[in-house]
Amino acid sequence: MTDLAEASVRRTYSYLGPAGTFTEAALAQVPEARDQIWRPVRNVGEALSDVVDETSDGAMIAIENSVDGGVSTAQDALATVPGLRIVGEYLVPVDFVLVARPGTRLEDVSVVAAHPVAYAQCLQWLAETLPAHSHIPAASNVASALGVLEGTNGADAAIAPPGILEHHELELLAEHIGDNPNAVTRFVLVSRTVAAPPPTGADKTSLIAELPEDHPGALLEMLEQFATRGINLSLLASRPIGDALGRYRFVIDADGHIHDERMADALLGLRRFSPKVVFLGSYPRADRAVVHYPERYSDDVFVEARDWLRGLISGEPEV
């Protein structure tokens, strides 16, 4: 009975499985997730559905890669699934190994299984080392390796994350095969809607906004909501809304926190401008880099301006 009682209060986190994925490595960085229940799922949609229907307390999903850019499936899901909040971000260096069934030699490899994104990030190494190989797409980096191990995907070897070797008996044929040694994937931890944590000074605000109409300068008008308040954007990506050709929504990461006066003022301006704004959350930056901005955009300046206007409206004499 004691074990059941302890299990009932443990938190559950969904992540793209099976064990050994980069997503699992990101979840391992979350202090509050340690010694809790980790639920492997098959895709981003399933992970977020787990959060919405309260199967899980949080979901770790990949949102951006330094080589391939934004993860469109994750961005589209966050734009359309209500009741979600990003509560943290985590960075995972992207490294790949080539693995095979025990006893396989590198010179025996002619067919390689890999997730398309992983395959694209290892093309140079493959072209130099295995120029005559062919590629079999896989659903995930770990699935490619499991297919080779079980002999179900017709491949001789697989591109996989290094963590796979901690969970399965595989032959390591080559390591560090990625073409870009500086590749990093950004992950976000998503929960149900909650209040933003207090600002730390090293924060990021994520949101999605639509343009009111397609006309010259419309995008500039949206960006001015941030520029005129001294807010830097670290991500601006367009995604099709899907209801008509040429209609787009914009995924935005802005430096700062919703509790900052300048950010709150920018969000009010964006709300007046855009027909739809989805606030995804304010949370600490993974790199913990403090956000710097000119003094004229400090909180005190915004508060003083509001007090000045209030005085004008109430008829107070100007000092």
C-alpha atoms as a PDB file:
ATOM      1  CA  MET A   1       0.000   0.000   0.000  1.00  0.00           C
ATOM      2  CA  THR A   2       2.848   2.374   0.752  1.00  0.00           C
ATOM      3  CA  ASP A   3       4.300   1.967  -2.741  1.00  0.00           C
ATOM      4  CA  LEU A   4       0.903   2.675  -4.311  1.00  0.00           C
ATOM      5  CA  ALA A   5       0.470   5.807  -2.205  1.00  0.00           C
ATOM      6  CA  GLU A   6       3.904   7.092  -3.240  1.00  0.00           C
ATOM      7  CA  ALA A   7       3.199   6.353  -6.907  1.00  0.00           C
ATOM      8  CA  SER A   8      -0.078   8.268  -6.759  1.00  0.00           C
ATOM      9  CA  VAL A   9       1.693  11.540  -5.951  1.00  0.00           C
ATOM     10  CA  ARG A  10       4.489  11.181  -8.477  1.00  0.00           C
ATOM     11  CA  ARG A  11       4.383  13.448 -11.510  1.00  0.00           C
ATOM     12  CA  THR A  12       4.297  12.122 -15.069  1.00  0.00           C
ATOM     13  CA  TYR A  13       6.242  13.593 -17.986  1.00  0.00           C
ATOM     14  CA  SER A  14       5.713  12.637 -21.627  1.00  0.00           C
ATOM     15  CA  TYR A  15       8.605  12.648 -24.093  1.00  0.00           C
ATOM     16  CA  LEU A  16       9.372  11.356 -27.581  1.00  0.00           C
ATOM     17  CA  GLY A  17      10.546   7.801 -26.976  1.00  0.00           C
ATOM     18  CA  PRO A  18      11.715   5.199 -26.720  1.00  0.00           C
ATOM     19  CA  ALA A  19      14.523   5.543 -24.201  1.00  0.00           C
ATOM     20  CA  GLY A  20      17.750   6.993 -25.521  1.00  0.00           C
ATOM     21  CA  THR A  21      16.384   9.909 -27.571  1.00  0.00           C
ATOM     22  CA  PHE A  22      17.611  13.492 -27.460  1.00  0.00           C
ATOM     23  CA  THR A  23      14.230  14.375 -25.930  1.00  0.00           C
ATOM     24  CA  GLU A  24      14.959  12.042 -23.033  1.00  0.00           C
ATOM     25  CA  ALA A  25      18.314  13.809 -22.601  1.00  0.00           C
ATOM     26  CA  ALA A  26      16.470  17.133 -22.411  1.00  0.00           C
ATOM     27  CA  LEU A  27      14.027  15.783 -19.819  1.00  0.00           C
ATOM     28  CA  ALA A  28      16.974  14.606 -17.741  1.00  0.00           C
ATOM     29  CA  GLN A  29      17.927  18.282 -17.303  1.00  0.00           C
ATOM     30  CA  VAL A  30      14.679  19.078 -15.455  1.00  0.00           C
ATOM     31  CA  PRO A  31      15.316  18.885 -11.690  1.00  0.00           C
ATOM     32  CA  GLU A  32      11.661  18.389 -10.762  1.00  0.00           C
ATOM     33  CA  ALA A  33      11.325  15.498 -13.235  1.00  0.00           C
ATOM     34  CA  ARG A  34      13.982  13.359 -11.602  1.00  0.00           C
ATOM     35  CA  ASP A  35      12.691  10.191  -9.944  1.00  0.00           C
ATOM     36  CA  GLN A  36       9.273  10.819 -11.457  1.00  0.00           C
ATOM     37  CA  ILE A  37       7.357   8.835 -14.107  1.00  0.00           C
ATOM     38  CA  TRP A  38       8.652   9.289 -17.660  1.00  0.00           C
ATOM     39  CA  ARG A  39       6.135   8.307 -20.315  1.00  0.00           C
ATOM     40  CA  PRO A  40       7.561   7.624 -23.809  1.00  0.00           C
ATOM     41  CA  VAL A  41       5.235   8.599 -26.677  1.00  0.00           C
ATOM     42  CA  ARG A  42       5.388   8.376 -30.478  1.00  0.00           C
ATOM     43  CA  ASN A  43       5.018  12.006 -31.554  1.00  0.00           C
ATOM     44  CA  VAL A  44       4.579  15.627 -30.463  1.00  0.00           C
ATOM     45  CA  GLY A  45       0.802  15.515 -30.806  1.00  0.00           C
ATOM     46  CA  GLU A  46       0.553  12.590 -28.429  1.00  0.00           C
ATOM     47  CA  ALA A  47       2.840  14.289 -25.923  1.00  0.00           C
ATOM     48  CA  LEU A  48       0.733  17.471 -25.869  1.00  0.00           C
ATOM     49  CA  SER A  49      -2.531  15.496 -25.772  1.00  0.00           C
ATOM     50  CA  ASP A  50      -1.223  13.777 -22.654  1.00  0.00           C
ATOM     51  CA  VAL A  51      -0.908  17.197 -21.011  1.00  0.00           C
ATOM     52  CA  VAL A  52      -4.314  18.427 -22.145  1.00  0.00           C
ATOM     53  CA  ASP A  53      -6.168  15.338 -20.933  1.00  0.00           C
ATOM     54  CA  GLU A  54      -4.083  15.269 -17.711  1.00  0.00           C
ATOM     55  CA  THR A  55      -2.434  11.940 -18.456  1.00  0.00           C
ATOM     56  CA  SER A  56       0.839  13.789 -17.897  1.00  0.00           C
ATOM     57  CA  ASP A  57       1.811  16.856 -15.911  1.00  0.00           C
ATOM     58  CA  GLY A  58       4.259  18.022 -18.559  1.00  0.00           C
ATOM     59  CA  ALA A  59       5.623  17.212 -22.003  1.00  0.00           C
ATOM     60  CA  MET A  60       9.138  17.741 -23.346  1.00  0.00           C
ATOM     61  CA  ILE A  61       9.164  18.579 -27.057  1.00  0.00           C
ATOM     62  CA  ALA A  62      11.767  19.778 -29.560  1.00  0.00           C
ATOM     63  CA  ILE A  63      10.962  23.271 -30.828  1.00  0.00           C
ATOM     64  CA  GLU A  64      14.038  24.472 -32.731  1.00  0.00           C
ATOM     65  CA  ASN A  65      17.319  23.205 -34.173  1.00  0.00           C
ATOM     66  CA  SER A  66      20.346  25.374 -34.851  1.00  0.00           C
ATOM     67  CA  VAL A  67      20.835  23.697 -38.248  1.00  0.00           C
ATOM     68  CA  ASP A  68      17.312  22.987 -39.503  1.00  0.00           C
ATOM     69  CA  GLY A  69      15.426  25.838 -37.804  1.00  0.00           C
ATOM     70  CA  GLY A  70      12.005  25.546 -36.204  1.00  0.00           C
ATOM     71  CA  VAL A  71      10.247  22.216 -35.709  1.00  0.00           C
ATOM     72  CA  SER A  72       7.079  22.898 -37.680  1.00  0.00           C
ATOM     73  CA  THR A  73       4.971  20.125 -36.128  1.00  0.00           C
ATOM     74  CA  ALA A  74       5.637  21.476 -32.638  1.00  0.00           C
ATOM     75  CA  GLN A  75       5.027  25.103 -33.633  1.00  0.00           C
ATOM     76  CA  ASP A  76       1.742  24.244 -35.353  1.00  0.00           C
ATOM     77  CA  ALA A  77       0.558  22.165 -32.406  1.00  0.00           C
ATOM     78  CA  LEU A  78       1.279  24.958 -29.918  1.00  0.00           C
ATOM     79  CA  ALA A  79      -0.620  27.375 -32.164  1.00  0.00           C
ATOM     80  CA  THR A  80      -3.754  25.253 -32.322  1.00  0.00           C
ATOM     81  CA  VAL A  81      -3.986  23.261 -29.073  1.00  0.00           C
ATOM     82  CA  PRO A  82      -5.492  25.451 -26.314  1.00  0.00           C
ATOM     83  CA  GLY A  83      -4.604  25.424 -22.642  1.00  0.00           C
ATOM     84  CA  LEU A  84      -0.826  24.972 -22.870  1.00  0.00           C
ATOM     85  CA  ARG A  85       2.104  26.908 -21.414  1.00  0.00           C
ATOM     86  CA  ILE A  86       5.856  26.702 -21.944  1.00  0.00           C
ATOM     87  CA  VAL A  87       7.457  26.657 -18.495  1.00  0.00           C
ATOM     88  CA  GLY A  88      11.113  26.061 -19.365  1.00  0.00           C
ATOM     89  CA  GLU A  89      13.622  25.545 -22.166  1.00  0.00           C
ATOM     90  CA  TYR A  90      16.604  23.218 -22.413  1.00  0.00           C
ATOM     91  CA  LEU A  91      19.475  22.892 -24.892  1.00  0.00           C
ATOM     92  CA  VAL A  92      20.891  19.541 -26.007  1.00  0.00           C
ATOM     93  CA  PRO A  93      24.026  19.278 -28.187  1.00  0.00           C
ATOM     94  CA  VAL A  94      23.263  17.146 -31.239  1.00  0.00           C
ATOM     95  CA  ASP A  95      25.742  14.334 -31.761  1.00  0.00           C
ATOM     96  CA  PHE A  96      25.256  11.136 -33.751  1.00  0.00           C
ATOM     97  CA  VAL A  97      26.745   7.653 -33.854  1.00  0.00           C
ATOM     98  CA  LEU A  98      26.499   4.897 -36.460  1.00  0.00           C
ATOM     99  CA  VAL A  99      25.419   1.604 -34.876  1.00  0.00           C
ATOM    100  CA  ALA A 100      24.637  -1.906 -36.088  1.00  0.00           C
ATOM    101  CA  ARG A 101      23.996  -5.438 -34.888  1.00  0.00           C
ATOM    102  CA  PRO A 102      26.887  -6.946 -32.914  1.00  0.00           C
ATOM    103  CA  GLY A 103      29.591  -8.260 -35.210  1.00  0.00           C
ATOM    104  CA  THR A 104      28.885  -5.874 -38.085  1.00  0.00           C
ATOM    105  CA  ARG A 105      31.856  -4.067 -39.650  1.00  0.00           C
ATOM    106  CA  LEU A 106      31.759  -0.590 -41.181  1.00  0.00           C
ATOM    107  CA  GLU A 107      32.773  -1.966 -44.580  1.00  0.00           C
ATOM    108  CA  ASP A 108      29.713  -4.265 -44.510  1.00  0.00           C
ATOM    109  CA  VAL A 109      27.286  -1.333 -44.451  1.00  0.00           C
ATOM    110  CA  SER A 110      25.380  -0.475 -47.634  1.00  0.00           C
ATOM    111  CA  VAL A 111      21.944   0.484 -46.279  1.00  0.00           C
ATOM    112  CA  VAL A 112      21.568   3.087 -43.509  1.00  0.00           C
ATOM    113  CA  ALA A 113      18.387   3.745 -41.526  1.00  0.00           C
ATOM    114  CA  ALA A 114      17.923   7.240 -40.111  1.00  0.00           C
ATOM    115  CA  HIS A 115      15.343   9.852 -39.277  1.00  0.00           C
ATOM    116  CA  PRO A 116      15.328  12.318 -42.222  1.00  0.00           C
ATOM    117  CA  VAL A 117      16.564  15.220 -40.078  1.00  0.00           C
ATOM    118  CA  ALA A 118      19.417  13.157 -38.636  1.00  0.00           C
ATOM    119  CA  TYR A 119      20.283  11.854 -42.089  1.00  0.00           C
ATOM    120  CA  ALA A 120      20.504  15.402 -43.471  1.00  0.00           C
ATOM    121  CA  GLN A 121      22.856  16.390 -40.666  1.00  0.00           C
ATOM    122  CA  CYS A 122      25.248  13.515 -41.448  1.00  0.00           C
ATOM    123  CA  LEU A 123      25.283  13.668 -45.249  1.00  0.00           C
ATOM    124  CA  GLN A 124      28.857  14.902 -45.584  1.00  0.00           C
ATOM    125  CA  TRP A 125      30.240  12.135 -43.380  1.00  0.00           C
ATOM    126  CA  LEU A 126      28.163   9.534 -45.189  1.00  0.00           C
ATOM    127  CA  ALA A 127      29.257  10.768 -48.611  1.00  0.00           C
ATOM    128  CA  GLU A 128      32.907  10.522 -47.619  1.00  0.00           C
ATOM    129  CA  THR A 129      32.747   7.267 -45.665  1.00  0.00           C
ATOM    130  CA  LEU A 130      29.935   5.295 -47.316  1.00  0.00           C
ATOM    131  CA  PRO A 131      29.559   6.889 -50.766  1.00  0.00           C
ATOM    132  CA  ALA A 132      27.541   3.981 -52.212  1.00  0.00           C
ATOM    133  CA  HIS A 133      25.036   3.666 -49.351  1.00  0.00           C
ATOM    134  CA  SER A 134      21.255   3.955 -49.625  1.00  0.00           C
ATOM    135  CA  HIS A 135      18.929   5.476 -47.023  1.00  0.00           C
ATOM    136  CA  ILE A 136      15.827   4.066 -45.328  1.00  0.00           C
ATOM    137  CA  PRO A 137      13.811   6.752 -43.450  1.00  0.00           C
ATOM    138  CA  ALA A 138      12.875   6.023 -39.840  1.00  0.00           C
ATOM    139  CA  ALA A 139      10.214   7.471 -37.552  1.00  0.00           C
ATOM    140  CA  SER A 140      12.772   8.512 -34.929  1.00  0.00           C
ATOM    141  CA  ASN A 141      16.495   8.341 -34.250  1.00  0.00           C
ATOM    142  CA  VAL A 142      16.019   5.478 -31.797  1.00  0.00           C
ATOM    143  CA  ALA A 143      13.524   3.634 -34.002  1.00  0.00           C
ATOM    144  CA  SER A 144      16.179   3.446 -36.725  1.00  0.00           C
ATOM    145  CA  ALA A 145      18.547   1.625 -34.373  1.00  0.00           C
ATOM    146  CA  LEU A 146      15.879  -0.690 -32.992  1.00  0.00           C
ATOM    147  CA  GLY A 147      14.862  -1.642 -36.530  1.00  0.00           C
ATOM    148  CA  VAL A 148      18.435  -2.647 -37.285  1.00  0.00           C
ATOM    149  CA  LEU A 149      18.786  -4.558 -34.026  1.00  0.00           C
ATOM    150  CA  GLU A 150      15.537  -6.448 -34.610  1.00  0.00           C
ATOM    151  CA  GLY A 151      16.156  -6.883 -38.343  1.00  0.00           C
ATOM    152  CA  THR A 152      12.826  -5.312 -39.301  1.00  0.00           C
ATOM    153  CA  ASN A 153      13.842  -2.323 -41.432  1.00  0.00           C
ATOM    154  CA  GLY A 154      16.204  -3.939 -43.946  1.00  0.00           C
ATOM    155  CA  ALA A 155      19.135  -1.717 -42.964  1.00  0.00           C
ATOM    156  CA  ASP A 156      22.696  -2.735 -42.107  1.00  0.00           C
ATOM    157  CA  ALA A 157      23.314   0.204 -39.773  1.00  0.00           C
ATOM    158  CA  ALA A 158      21.525   3.167 -38.221  1.00  0.00           C
ATOM    159  CA  ILE A 159      22.233   6.766 -37.310  1.00  0.00           C
ATOM    160  CA  ALA A 160      21.257   7.268 -33.675  1.00  0.00           C
ATOM    161  CA  PRO A 161      21.962   9.421 -30.607  1.00  0.00           C
ATOM    162  CA  PRO A 162      24.840   8.258 -28.388  1.00  0.00           C
ATOM    163  CA  GLY A 163      22.397   7.515 -25.547  1.00  0.00           C
ATOM    164  CA  ILE A 164      21.108   4.469 -27.435  1.00  0.00           C
ATOM    165  CA  LEU A 165      24.226   2.560 -26.377  1.00  0.00           C
ATOM    166  CA  GLU A 166      23.177   2.825 -22.721  1.00  0.00           C
ATOM    167  CA  HIS A 167      19.957   0.921 -23.403  1.00  0.00           C
ATOM    168  CA  HIS A 168      20.744  -1.627 -26.141  1.00  0.00           C
ATOM    169  CA  GLU A 169      23.533  -4.009 -27.127  1.00  0.00           C
ATOM    170  CA  LEU A 170      24.673  -2.468 -30.406  1.00  0.00           C
ATOM    171  CA  GLU A 171      27.953  -2.371 -32.288  1.00  0.00           C
ATOM    172  CA  LEU A 172      29.440   1.136 -32.384  1.00  0.00           C
ATOM    173  CA  LEU A 173      30.776   1.599 -35.908  1.00  0.00           C
ATOM    174  CA  ALA A 174      31.556   5.335 -35.773  1.00  0.00           C
ATOM    175  CA  GLU A 175      30.935   8.296 -33.493  1.00  0.00           C
ATOM    176  CA  HIS A 176      30.704  12.075 -33.912  1.00  0.00           C
ATOM    177  CA  ILE A 177      29.432  11.658 -37.477  1.00  0.00           C
ATOM    178  CA  GLY A 178      27.379  14.853 -37.563  1.00  0.00           C
ATOM    179  CA  ASP A 179      28.560  17.426 -40.104  1.00  0.00           C
ATOM    180  CA  ASN A 180      28.162  20.367 -37.707  1.00  0.00           C
ATOM    181  CA  PRO A 181      29.906  19.937 -34.341  1.00  0.00           C
ATOM    182  CA  ASN A 182      28.073  22.993 -32.984  1.00  0.00           C
ATOM    183  CA  ALA A 183      24.561  21.694 -33.708  1.00  0.00           C
ATOM    184  CA  VAL A 184      22.131  22.193 -30.820  1.00  0.00           C
ATOM    185  CA  THR A 185      18.449  21.379 -30.410  1.00  0.00           C
ATOM    186  CA  ARG A 186      16.240  23.550 -28.226  1.00  0.00           C
ATOM    187  CA  PHE A 187      13.534  21.772 -26.248  1.00  0.00           C
ATOM    188  CA  VAL A 188      10.664  23.234 -24.239  1.00  0.00           C
ATOM    189  CA  LEU A 189       8.781  21.798 -21.288  1.00  0.00           C
ATOM    190  CA  VAL A 190       5.041  22.304 -21.732  1.00  0.00           C
ATOM    191  CA  SER A 191       2.401  22.158 -19.000  1.00  0.00           C
ATOM    192  CA  ARG A 192      -1.237  23.075 -18.711  1.00  0.00           C
ATOM    193  CA  THR A 193      -1.982  26.794 -18.362  1.00  0.00           C
ATOM    194  CA  VAL A 194      -0.309  28.203 -15.255  1.00  0.00           C
ATOM    195  CA  ALA A 195       0.806  31.634 -14.085  1.00  0.00           C
ATOM    196  CA  ALA A 196       4.237  32.645 -15.344  1.00  0.00           C
ATOM    197  CA  PRO A 197       7.054  32.140 -12.819  1.00  0.00           C
ATOM    198  CA  PRO A 198       8.641  35.314 -11.380  1.00  0.00           C
ATOM    199  CA  PRO A 199      11.128  37.058 -13.692  1.00  0.00           C
ATOM    200  CA  THR A 200      14.793  36.200 -13.260  1.00  0.00           C
ATOM    201  CA  GLY A 201      16.290  38.911 -15.483  1.00  0.00           C
ATOM    202  CA  ALA A 202      17.289  36.195 -17.976  1.00  0.00           C
ATOM    203  CA  ASP A 203      13.902  35.348 -19.438  1.00  0.00           C
ATOM    204  CA  LYS A 204      12.177  34.690 -22.729  1.00  0.00           C
ATOM    205  CA  THR A 205       8.559  35.175 -23.807  1.00  0.00           C
ATOM    206  CA  SER A 206       7.076  32.990 -26.543  1.00  0.00           C
ATOM    207  CA  LEU A 207       3.911  33.746 -28.471  1.00  0.00           C
ATOM    208  CA  ILE A 208       2.199  33.275 -31.807  1.00  0.00           C
ATOM    209  CA  ALA A 209       0.436  36.094 -33.653  1.00  0.00           C
ATOM    210  CA  GLU A 210      -1.487  36.529 -36.879  1.00  0.00           C
ATOM    211  CA  LEU A 211      -1.512  39.579 -39.129  1.00  0.00           C
ATOM    212  CA  PRO A 212      -4.905  41.325 -39.397  1.00  0.00           C
ATOM    213  CA  GLU A 213      -4.677  41.453 -43.191  1.00  0.00           C
ATOM    214  CA  ASP A 214      -2.144  41.147 -45.990  1.00  0.00           C
ATOM    215  CA  HIS A 215      -1.018  44.628 -46.998  1.00  0.00           C
ATOM    216  CA  PRO A 216       2.310  46.411 -47.507  1.00  0.00           C
ATOM    217  CA  GLY A 217       3.930  47.070 -44.140  1.00  0.00           C
ATOM    218  CA  ALA A 218       1.693  44.712 -42.124  1.00  0.00           C
ATOM    219  CA  LEU A 219       4.613  42.680 -40.809  1.00  0.00           C
ATOM    220  CA  LEU A 220       6.530  45.869 -40.031  1.00  0.00           C
ATOM    221  CA  GLU A 221       3.570  47.135 -37.988  1.00  0.00           C
ATOM    222  CA  MET A 222       3.632  43.948 -35.943  1.00  0.00           C
ATOM    223  CA  LEU A 223       7.368  44.121 -35.356  1.00  0.00           C
ATOM    224  CA  GLU A 224       7.111  47.770 -34.309  1.00  0.00           C
ATOM    225  CA  GLN A 225       5.131  46.643 -31.252  1.00  0.00           C
ATOM    226  CA  PHE A 226       8.433  45.238 -29.988  1.00  0.00           C
ATOM    227  CA  ALA A 227      10.996  47.569 -31.572  1.00  0.00           C
ATOM    228  CA  THR A 228       9.441  50.758 -30.170  1.00  0.00           C
ATOM    229  CA  ARG A 229       9.671  49.267 -26.675  1.00  0.00           C
ATOM    230  CA  GLY A 230      13.278  48.101 -26.932  1.00  0.00           C
ATOM    231  CA  ILE A 231      12.490  44.383 -27.089  1.00  0.00           C
ATOM    232  CA  ASN A 232      14.784  42.091 -29.053  1.00  0.00           C
ATOM    233  CA  LEU A 233      13.325  39.117 -30.923  1.00  0.00           C
ATOM    234  CA  SER A 234      15.432  35.952 -30.841  1.00  0.00           C
ATOM    235  CA  LEU A 235      13.051  34.005 -33.094  1.00  0.00           C
ATOM    236  CA  LEU A 236      10.644  35.064 -35.838  1.00  0.00           C
ATOM    237  CA  ALA A 237       9.271  32.255 -37.989  1.00  0.00           C
ATOM    238  CA  SER A 238       6.248  32.086 -40.285  1.00  0.00           C
ATOM    239  CA  ARG A 239       3.889  29.125 -40.512  1.00  0.00           C
ATOM    240  CA  PRO A 240       0.849  28.783 -42.823  1.00  0.00           C
ATOM    241  CA  ILE A 241      -2.458  29.157 -41.004  1.00  0.00           C
ATOM    242  CA  GLY A 242      -4.005  26.666 -43.384  1.00  0.00           C
ATOM    243  CA  ASP A 243      -7.338  28.343 -44.095  1.00  0.00           C
ATOM    244  CA  ALA A 244      -6.234  30.026 -47.335  1.00  0.00           C
ATOM    245  CA  LEU A 245      -3.176  30.308 -49.545  1.00  0.00           C
ATOM    246  CA  GLY A 246      -0.851  33.109 -48.461  1.00  0.00           C
ATOM    247  CA  ARG A 247      -2.138  33.354 -44.859  1.00  0.00           C
ATOM    248  CA  TYR A 248       0.543  33.011 -42.185  1.00  0.00           C
ATOM    249  CA  ARG A 249       0.963  33.114 -38.440  1.00  0.00           C
ATOM    250  CA  PHE A 250       4.238  34.158 -36.815  1.00  0.00           C
ATOM    251  CA  VAL A 251       6.064  32.284 -34.084  1.00  0.00           C
ATOM    252  CA  ILE A 252       7.899  34.782 -31.880  1.00  0.00           C
ATOM    253  CA  ASP A 253      10.454  34.522 -29.096  1.00  0.00           C
ATOM    254  CA  ALA A 254      11.073  37.870 -27.394  1.00  0.00           C
ATOM    255  CA  ASP A 255      13.756  38.676 -24.828  1.00  0.00           C
ATOM    256  CA  GLY A 256      12.113  39.525 -21.516  1.00  0.00           C
ATOM    257  CA  HIS A 257       9.241  38.573 -19.219  1.00  0.00           C
ATOM    258  CA  ILE A 258       5.531  39.387 -19.225  1.00  0.00           C
ATOM    259  CA  HIS A 259       6.023  40.998 -15.797  1.00  0.00           C
ATOM    260  CA  ASP A 260       8.418  43.513 -17.379  1.00  0.00           C
ATOM    261  CA  GLU A 261       6.586  46.769 -18.068  1.00  0.00           C
ATOM    262  CA  ARG A 262       7.959  47.020 -21.605  1.00  0.00           C
ATOM    263  CA  MET A 263       6.898  43.449 -22.455  1.00  0.00           C
ATOM    264  CA  ALA A 264       3.432  43.896 -20.982  1.00  0.00           C
ATOM    265  CA  ASP A 265       3.013  47.124 -22.960  1.00  0.00           C
ATOM    266  CA  ALA A 266       4.163  45.374 -26.161  1.00  0.00           C
ATOM    267  CA  LEU A 267       1.681  42.545 -25.631  1.00  0.00           C
ATOM    268  CA  LEU A 268      -1.127  45.053 -25.164  1.00  0.00           C
ATOM    269  CA  GLY A 269      -0.126  46.725 -28.413  1.00  0.00           C
ATOM    270  CA  LEU A 270       0.060  43.371 -30.180  1.00  0.00           C
ATOM    271  CA  ARG A 271      -3.361  42.407 -28.847  1.00  0.00           C
ATOM    272  CA  ARG A 272      -4.859  45.604 -30.281  1.00  0.00           C
ATOM    273  CA  PHE A 273      -3.133  44.954 -33.600  1.00  0.00           C
ATOM    274  CA  SER A 274      -3.535  41.224 -34.184  1.00  0.00           C
ATOM    275  CA  PRO A 275      -6.823  39.307 -34.586  1.00  0.00           C
ATOM    276  CA  LYS A 276      -5.302  36.365 -32.711  1.00  0.00           C
ATOM    277  CA  VAL A 277      -2.442  36.236 -30.217  1.00  0.00           C
ATOM    278  CA  VAL A 278      -1.501  32.987 -28.465  1.00  0.00           C
ATOM    279  CA  PHE A 279       0.613  33.593 -25.360  1.00  0.00           C
ATOM    280  CA  LEU A 280       2.805  30.514 -24.871  1.00  0.00           C
ATOM    281  CA  GLY A 281       4.617  31.615 -21.740  1.00  0.00           C
ATOM    282  CA  SER A 282       7.423  33.562 -20.073  1.00  0.00           C
ATOM    283  CA  TYR A 283      10.195  31.388 -18.647  1.00  0.00           C
ATOM    284  CA  PRO A 284      13.934  31.393 -17.813  1.00  0.00           C
ATOM    285  CA  ARG A 285      16.304  31.208 -20.777  1.00  0.00           C
ATOM    286  CA  ALA A 286      18.279  27.979 -21.055  1.00  0.00           C
ATOM    287  CA  ASP A 287      21.567  29.884 -21.396  1.00  0.00           C
ATOM    288  CA  ARG A 288      20.718  32.089 -18.390  1.00  0.00           C
ATOM    289  CA  ALA A 289      21.966  35.116 -20.358  1.00  0.00           C
ATOM    290  CA  VAL A 290      20.757  38.312 -18.694  1.00  0.00           C
ATOM    291  CA  VAL A 291      18.631  40.497 -20.971  1.00  0.00           C
ATOM    292  CA  HIS A 292      20.089  43.990 -21.365  1.00  0.00           C
ATOM    293  CA  TYR A 293      18.147  46.969 -22.716  1.00  0.00           C
ATOM    294  CA  PRO A 294      18.534  50.773 -22.832  1.00  0.00           C
ATOM    295  CA  GLU A 295      17.609  52.684 -19.692  1.00  0.00           C
ATOM    296  CA  ARG A 296      14.802  54.507 -21.510  1.00  0.00           C
ATOM    297  CA  TYR A 297      12.911  51.187 -21.581  1.00  0.00           C
ATOM    298  CA  SER A 298      13.221  50.440 -17.870  1.00  0.00           C
ATOM    299  CA  ASP A 299      10.125  49.638 -15.807  1.00  0.00           C
ATOM    300  CA  ASP A 300      10.386  52.955 -13.953  1.00  0.00           C
ATOM    301  CA  VAL A 301      10.047  54.900 -17.227  1.00  0.00           C
ATOM    302  CA  PHE A 302       6.821  53.093 -18.148  1.00  0.00           C
ATOM    303  CA  VAL A 303       5.378  53.540 -14.642  1.00  0.00           C
ATOM    304  CA  GLU A 304       6.240  57.261 -14.626  1.00  0.00           C
ATOM    305  CA  ALA A 305       4.605  57.714 -18.043  1.00  0.00           C
ATOM    306  CA  ARG A 306       1.379  56.075 -16.820  1.00  0.00           C
ATOM    307  CA  ASP A 307       1.366  58.237 -13.688  1.00  0.00           C
ATOM    308  CA  TRP A 308       1.898  61.341 -15.847  1.00  0.00           C
ATOM    309  CA  LEU A 309      -1.054  60.432 -18.068  1.00  0.00           C
ATOM    310  CA  ARG A 310      -3.228  59.680 -15.043  1.00  0.00           C
ATOM    311  CA  GLY A 311      -2.420  63.103 -13.684  1.00  0.00           C
ATOM    312  CA  LEU A 312      -3.355  64.786 -16.946  1.00  0.00           C
ATOM    313  CA  ILE A 313      -6.707  63.008 -17.020  1.00  0.00           C
ATOM    314  CA  SER A 314      -7.506  63.849 -13.383  1.00  0.00           C
ATOM    315  CA  GLY A 315      -6.523  67.514 -13.814  1.00  0.00           C
ATOM    316  CA  GLU A 316      -3.538  67.475 -11.492  1.00  0.00           C
ATOM    317  CA  PRO A 317      -1.101  70.379 -12.013  1.00  0.00           C
ATOM    318  CA  GLU A 318       2.086  69.418 -13.775  1.00  0.00           C
ATOM    319  CA  VAL A 319       5.247  69.733 -11.691  1.00  0.00           C
END
